[in-house]
Amino acid sequence: MESDSISPQLSLVLGDAVLGVDALPRTAGRVRFKRERALDVFRLMHDGLGFRHLSMVGAIDWVQYREVFYVLWSDDRRQYVHLSTQVPADDPRVESASGVWPSANWHEREAWELVGVTFDHHPDLRRLLTPDGYAFHPLLRSFLLHEPEELEVKVRDV
């Protein structure tokens, strides 16, 4: 299937929630969507279009905004599709996909921890890679390397 094959279905059901579908070789394309309609997009992709496996969630800091992206797989279509939404740098949040794809759980935690994107209604948004009390998001372009003595990291007894 070509990338345009899912465009009519997306437009019919989601209307203006879909900002566009860009061609990506050997995939169903990259679907750009409004963050306010994220849950609608997730449900349609999973239930309506058969993209039942979420392979990855990630985020990129572009300074003025952050891009959150999702990689989905459909066994029926034997095809990947990429979802993408922009969130403003001053309000970096989007609905969690973990209610639709449980595998989003750890990916969203990592994106929150490293890039500072909050996933609303996430069941357990806490750190995976850095210590509790760490106040930084190391993959933000504004992140400055600090000398060890400048950091105060709170640790907990296990």
C-alpha atoms as a PDB file:
ATOM      1  CA  MET A   1       0.000   0.000   0.000  1.00  0.00           C
ATOM      2  CA  GLU A   2       1.150   3.493  -0.692  1.00  0.00           C
ATOM      3  CA  SER A   3       1.230   6.196   1.909  1.00  0.00           C
ATOM      4  CA  ASP A   4      -1.833   7.893   0.423  1.00  0.00           C
ATOM      5  CA  SER A   5      -3.956   4.792   1.007  1.00  0.00           C
ATOM      6  CA  ILE A   6      -4.701   5.765   4.615  1.00  0.00           C
ATOM      7  CA  SER A   7      -5.276   9.485   3.922  1.00  0.00           C
ATOM      8  CA  PRO A   8      -8.938   9.203   2.870  1.00  0.00           C
ATOM      9  CA  GLN A   9      -9.823   7.084   5.915  1.00  0.00           C
ATOM     10  CA  LEU A  10      -8.057   9.476   8.271  1.00  0.00           C
ATOM     11  CA  SER A  11      -9.646  12.556   6.731  1.00  0.00           C
ATOM     12  CA  LEU A  12     -13.107  11.002   6.711  1.00  0.00           C
ATOM     13  CA  VAL A  13     -13.073  10.061  10.388  1.00  0.00           C
ATOM     14  CA  LEU A  14     -10.799  12.692  11.920  1.00  0.00           C
ATOM     15  CA  GLY A  15     -11.339  15.677   9.650  1.00  0.00           C
ATOM     16  CA  ASP A  16      -9.088  18.588  10.549  1.00  0.00           C
ATOM     17  CA  ALA A  17      -7.324  16.655  13.353  1.00  0.00           C
ATOM     18  CA  VAL A  18      -4.997  15.338  10.658  1.00  0.00           C
ATOM     19  CA  LEU A  19      -2.666  18.058   9.407  1.00  0.00           C
ATOM     20  CA  GLY A  20      -1.281  15.904   6.607  1.00  0.00           C
ATOM     21  CA  VAL A  21       0.153  12.581   5.534  1.00  0.00           C
ATOM     22  CA  ASP A  22       3.682  12.717   4.180  1.00  0.00           C
ATOM     23  CA  ALA A  23       5.118   9.970   2.020  1.00  0.00           C
ATOM     24  CA  LEU A  24       7.822   7.831   3.612  1.00  0.00           C
ATOM     25  CA  PRO A  25       9.329   5.070   1.475  1.00  0.00           C
ATOM     26  CA  ARG A  26       8.163   1.535   2.352  1.00  0.00           C
ATOM     27  CA  THR A  27       5.694   2.768   5.006  1.00  0.00           C
ATOM     28  CA  ALA A  28       2.109   3.979   5.147  1.00  0.00           C
ATOM     29  CA  GLY A  29       3.580   7.453   5.620  1.00  0.00           C
ATOM     30  CA  ARG A  30       3.967  10.009   8.373  1.00  0.00           C
ATOM     31  CA  VAL A  31       0.687  11.259   9.797  1.00  0.00           C
ATOM     32  CA  ARG A  32       0.939  14.733  11.311  1.00  0.00           C
ATOM     33  CA  PHE A  33      -1.896  15.463  13.747  1.00  0.00           C
ATOM     34  CA  LYS A  34      -3.125  18.097  16.205  1.00  0.00           C
ATOM     35  CA  ARG A  35      -2.098  17.247  19.730  1.00  0.00           C
ATOM     36  CA  GLU A  36      -5.567  18.081  21.077  1.00  0.00           C
ATOM     37  CA  ARG A  37      -6.936  15.130  19.098  1.00  0.00           C
ATOM     38  CA  ALA A  38      -4.188  12.647  19.989  1.00  0.00           C
ATOM     39  CA  LEU A  39      -6.474  10.104  21.653  1.00  0.00           C
ATOM     40  CA  ASP A  40      -8.847  10.102  18.659  1.00  0.00           C
ATOM     41  CA  VAL A  41      -5.903   9.504  16.322  1.00  0.00           C
ATOM     42  CA  PHE A  42      -4.528   6.718  18.519  1.00  0.00           C
ATOM     43  CA  ARG A  43      -7.885   4.924  18.697  1.00  0.00           C
ATOM     44  CA  LEU A  44      -8.487   5.171  14.955  1.00  0.00           C
ATOM     45  CA  MET A  45      -5.015   3.901  14.142  1.00  0.00           C
ATOM     46  CA  HIS A  46      -5.401   0.972  16.574  1.00  0.00           C
ATOM     47  CA  ASP A  47      -9.059  -0.009  16.239  1.00  0.00           C
ATOM     48  CA  GLY A  48      -9.988   1.307  12.811  1.00  0.00           C
ATOM     49  CA  LEU A  49      -6.831   0.822  10.763  1.00  0.00           C
ATOM     50  CA  GLY A  50      -5.268  -2.172  12.507  1.00  0.00           C
ATOM     51  CA  PHE A  51      -2.013  -0.631  13.735  1.00  0.00           C
ATOM     52  CA  ARG A  52      -2.030  -2.705  16.911  1.00  0.00           C
ATOM     53  CA  HIS A  53       1.685  -2.680  17.724  1.00  0.00           C
ATOM     54  CA  LEU A  54       3.433   0.442  18.963  1.00  0.00           C
ATOM     55  CA  SER A  55       7.189   0.061  18.410  1.00  0.00           C
ATOM     56  CA  MET A  56       8.425   3.384  19.707  1.00  0.00           C
ATOM     57  CA  VAL A  57       7.554   6.764  21.173  1.00  0.00           C
ATOM     58  CA  GLY A  58      10.136   9.518  21.138  1.00  0.00           C
ATOM     59  CA  ALA A  59      10.504  13.273  21.317  1.00  0.00           C
ATOM     60  CA  ILE A  60      12.818  15.879  19.811  1.00  0.00           C
ATOM     61  CA  ASP A  61      13.483  19.387  21.082  1.00  0.00           C
ATOM     62  CA  TRP A  62      13.435  21.863  18.177  1.00  0.00           C
ATOM     63  CA  VAL A  63      13.785  24.819  20.636  1.00  0.00           C
ATOM     64  CA  GLN A  64      10.557  26.649  19.628  1.00  0.00           C
ATOM     65  CA  TYR A  65       8.534  23.432  19.944  1.00  0.00           C
ATOM     66  CA  ARG A  66       8.959  19.752  20.655  1.00  0.00           C
ATOM     67  CA  GLU A  67       7.953  17.016  18.284  1.00  0.00           C
ATOM     68  CA  VAL A  68       6.515  13.789  19.676  1.00  0.00           C
ATOM     69  CA  PHE A  69       6.561  10.825  17.317  1.00  0.00           C
ATOM     70  CA  TYR A  70       5.188   7.305  17.354  1.00  0.00           C
ATOM     71  CA  VAL A  71       6.092   4.290  15.214  1.00  0.00           C
ATOM     72  CA  LEU A  72       3.273   1.789  14.680  1.00  0.00           C
ATOM     73  CA  TRP A  73       3.093  -1.592  12.938  1.00  0.00           C
ATOM     74  CA  SER A  74       0.117  -3.374  11.386  1.00  0.00           C
ATOM     75  CA  ASP A  75       0.278  -7.152  10.954  1.00  0.00           C
ATOM     76  CA  ASP A  76      -2.733  -7.002   8.604  1.00  0.00           C
ATOM     77  CA  ARG A  77      -1.177  -4.372   6.357  1.00  0.00           C
ATOM     78  CA  ARG A  78       2.394  -5.575   6.971  1.00  0.00           C
ATOM     79  CA  GLN A  79       3.356  -1.944   7.159  1.00  0.00           C
ATOM     80  CA  TYR A  80       4.700   0.724   9.474  1.00  0.00           C
ATOM     81  CA  VAL A  81       3.209   4.169   9.940  1.00  0.00           C
ATOM     82  CA  HIS A  82       4.722   7.133  11.765  1.00  0.00           C
ATOM     83  CA  LEU A  83       2.613   9.561  13.776  1.00  0.00           C
ATOM     84  CA  SER A  84       3.891  13.016  14.657  1.00  0.00           C
ATOM     85  CA  THR A  85       2.619  15.999  16.599  1.00  0.00           C
ATOM     86  CA  GLN A  86       4.116  19.287  17.721  1.00  0.00           C
ATOM     87  CA  VAL A  87       3.799  20.569  21.272  1.00  0.00           C
ATOM     88  CA  PRO A  88       4.755  24.118  22.250  1.00  0.00           C
ATOM     89  CA  ALA A  89       7.993  24.493  24.222  1.00  0.00           C
ATOM     90  CA  ASP A  90       6.132  26.469  26.902  1.00  0.00           C
ATOM     91  CA  ASP A  91       3.439  23.745  27.278  1.00  0.00           C
ATOM     92  CA  PRO A  92       5.077  20.453  26.272  1.00  0.00           C
ATOM     93  CA  ARG A  93       2.225  18.000  26.862  1.00  0.00           C
ATOM     94  CA  VAL A  94       0.150  15.510  24.933  1.00  0.00           C
ATOM     95  CA  GLU A  95      -2.273  12.739  25.869  1.00  0.00           C
ATOM     96  CA  SER A  96      -0.688   9.410  26.807  1.00  0.00           C
ATOM     97  CA  ALA A  97      -0.973   6.560  24.289  1.00  0.00           C
ATOM     98  CA  SER A  98      -0.557   3.941  27.028  1.00  0.00           C
ATOM     99  CA  GLY A  99      -4.316   3.394  27.316  1.00  0.00           C
ATOM    100  CA  VAL A 100      -4.399   2.294  23.673  1.00  0.00           C
ATOM    101  CA  TRP A 101      -0.961   0.679  23.442  1.00  0.00           C
ATOM    102  CA  PRO A 102       0.357  -0.462  26.855  1.00  0.00           C
ATOM    103  CA  SER A 103       3.852  -0.625  25.329  1.00  0.00           C
ATOM    104  CA  ALA A 104       3.855   3.202  25.254  1.00  0.00           C
ATOM    105  CA  ASN A 105       4.341   3.253  29.021  1.00  0.00           C
ATOM    106  CA  TRP A 106       8.143   3.108  29.245  1.00  0.00           C
ATOM    107  CA  HIS A 107       8.709   4.992  25.987  1.00  0.00           C
ATOM    108  CA  GLU A 108       6.654   7.921  27.292  1.00  0.00           C
ATOM    109  CA  ARG A 109       8.475   7.844  30.607  1.00  0.00           C
ATOM    110  CA  GLU A 110      11.780   8.086  28.760  1.00  0.00           C
ATOM    111  CA  ALA A 111      10.558  10.953  26.534  1.00  0.00           C
ATOM    112  CA  TRP A 112       9.315  12.825  29.606  1.00  0.00           C
ATOM    113  CA  GLU A 113      12.532  12.261  31.498  1.00  0.00           C
ATOM    114  CA  LEU A 114      14.946  13.166  28.711  1.00  0.00           C
ATOM    115  CA  VAL A 115      13.032  15.786  26.687  1.00  0.00           C
ATOM    116  CA  GLY A 116      10.484  17.087  29.208  1.00  0.00           C
ATOM    117  CA  VAL A 117       7.262  16.181  27.378  1.00  0.00           C
ATOM    118  CA  THR A 118       4.428  15.433  29.826  1.00  0.00           C
ATOM    119  CA  PHE A 119       2.010  12.683  28.834  1.00  0.00           C
ATOM    120  CA  ASP A 120      -1.392  13.463  30.340  1.00  0.00           C
ATOM    121  CA  HIS A 121      -3.139  10.565  32.107  1.00  0.00           C
ATOM    122  CA  HIS A 122      -0.006   8.419  32.033  1.00  0.00           C
ATOM    123  CA  PRO A 123      -0.359   5.715  34.723  1.00  0.00           C
ATOM    124  CA  ASP A 124       3.168   6.031  36.166  1.00  0.00           C
ATOM    125  CA  LEU A 125       5.161   9.002  34.879  1.00  0.00           C
ATOM    126  CA  ARG A 126       8.415   8.711  36.828  1.00  0.00           C
ATOM    127  CA  ARG A 127      12.118   8.533  36.058  1.00  0.00           C
ATOM    128  CA  LEU A 128      13.772   5.511  34.453  1.00  0.00           C
ATOM    129  CA  LEU A 129      17.354   6.582  33.745  1.00  0.00           C
ATOM    130  CA  THR A 130      18.252   9.400  36.099  1.00  0.00           C
ATOM    131  CA  PRO A 131      17.986   9.504  39.897  1.00  0.00           C
ATOM    132  CA  ASP A 132      14.870  10.654  41.715  1.00  0.00           C
ATOM    133  CA  GLY A 133      15.195  14.360  42.401  1.00  0.00           C
ATOM    134  CA  TYR A 134      17.160  15.060  39.214  1.00  0.00           C
ATOM    135  CA  ALA A 135      15.756  18.380  38.014  1.00  0.00           C
ATOM    136  CA  PHE A 136      16.955  18.387  34.401  1.00  0.00           C
ATOM    137  CA  HIS A 137      15.898  16.994  31.018  1.00  0.00           C
ATOM    138  CA  PRO A 138      19.261  16.131  29.425  1.00  0.00           C
ATOM    139  CA  LEU A 139      18.148  16.018  25.767  1.00  0.00           C
ATOM    140  CA  LEU A 140      16.798  19.560  25.736  1.00  0.00           C
ATOM    141  CA  ARG A 141      18.934  21.840  23.621  1.00  0.00           C
ATOM    142  CA  SER A 142      18.978  24.286  26.523  1.00  0.00           C
ATOM    143  CA  PHE A 143      20.571  21.668  28.803  1.00  0.00           C
ATOM    144  CA  LEU A 144      24.022  22.738  29.937  1.00  0.00           C
ATOM    145  CA  LEU A 145      26.558  20.305  31.252  1.00  0.00           C
ATOM    146  CA  HIS A 146      27.196  20.928  34.917  1.00  0.00           C
ATOM    147  CA  GLU A 147      30.160  20.265  37.084  1.00  0.00           C
ATOM    148  CA  PRO A 148      29.408  17.462  39.572  1.00  0.00           C
ATOM    149  CA  GLU A 149      29.769  19.782  42.556  1.00  0.00           C
ATOM    150  CA  GLU A 150      27.035  22.074  41.146  1.00  0.00           C
ATOM    151  CA  LEU A 151      24.427  19.329  41.200  1.00  0.00           C
ATOM    152  CA  GLU A 152      22.440  18.380  44.223  1.00  0.00           C
ATOM    153  CA  VAL A 153      20.878  15.005  43.579  1.00  0.00           C
ATOM    154  CA  LYS A 154      18.486  13.596  46.122  1.00  0.00           C
ATOM    155  CA  VAL A 155      18.869   9.877  46.586  1.00  0.00           C
ATOM    156  CA  ARG A 156      16.636   7.407  48.317  1.00  0.00           C
ATOM    157  CA  ASP A 157      17.518   4.354  50.324  1.00  0.00           C
ATOM    158  CA  VAL A 158      16.471   1.132  48.665  1.00  0.00           C
END
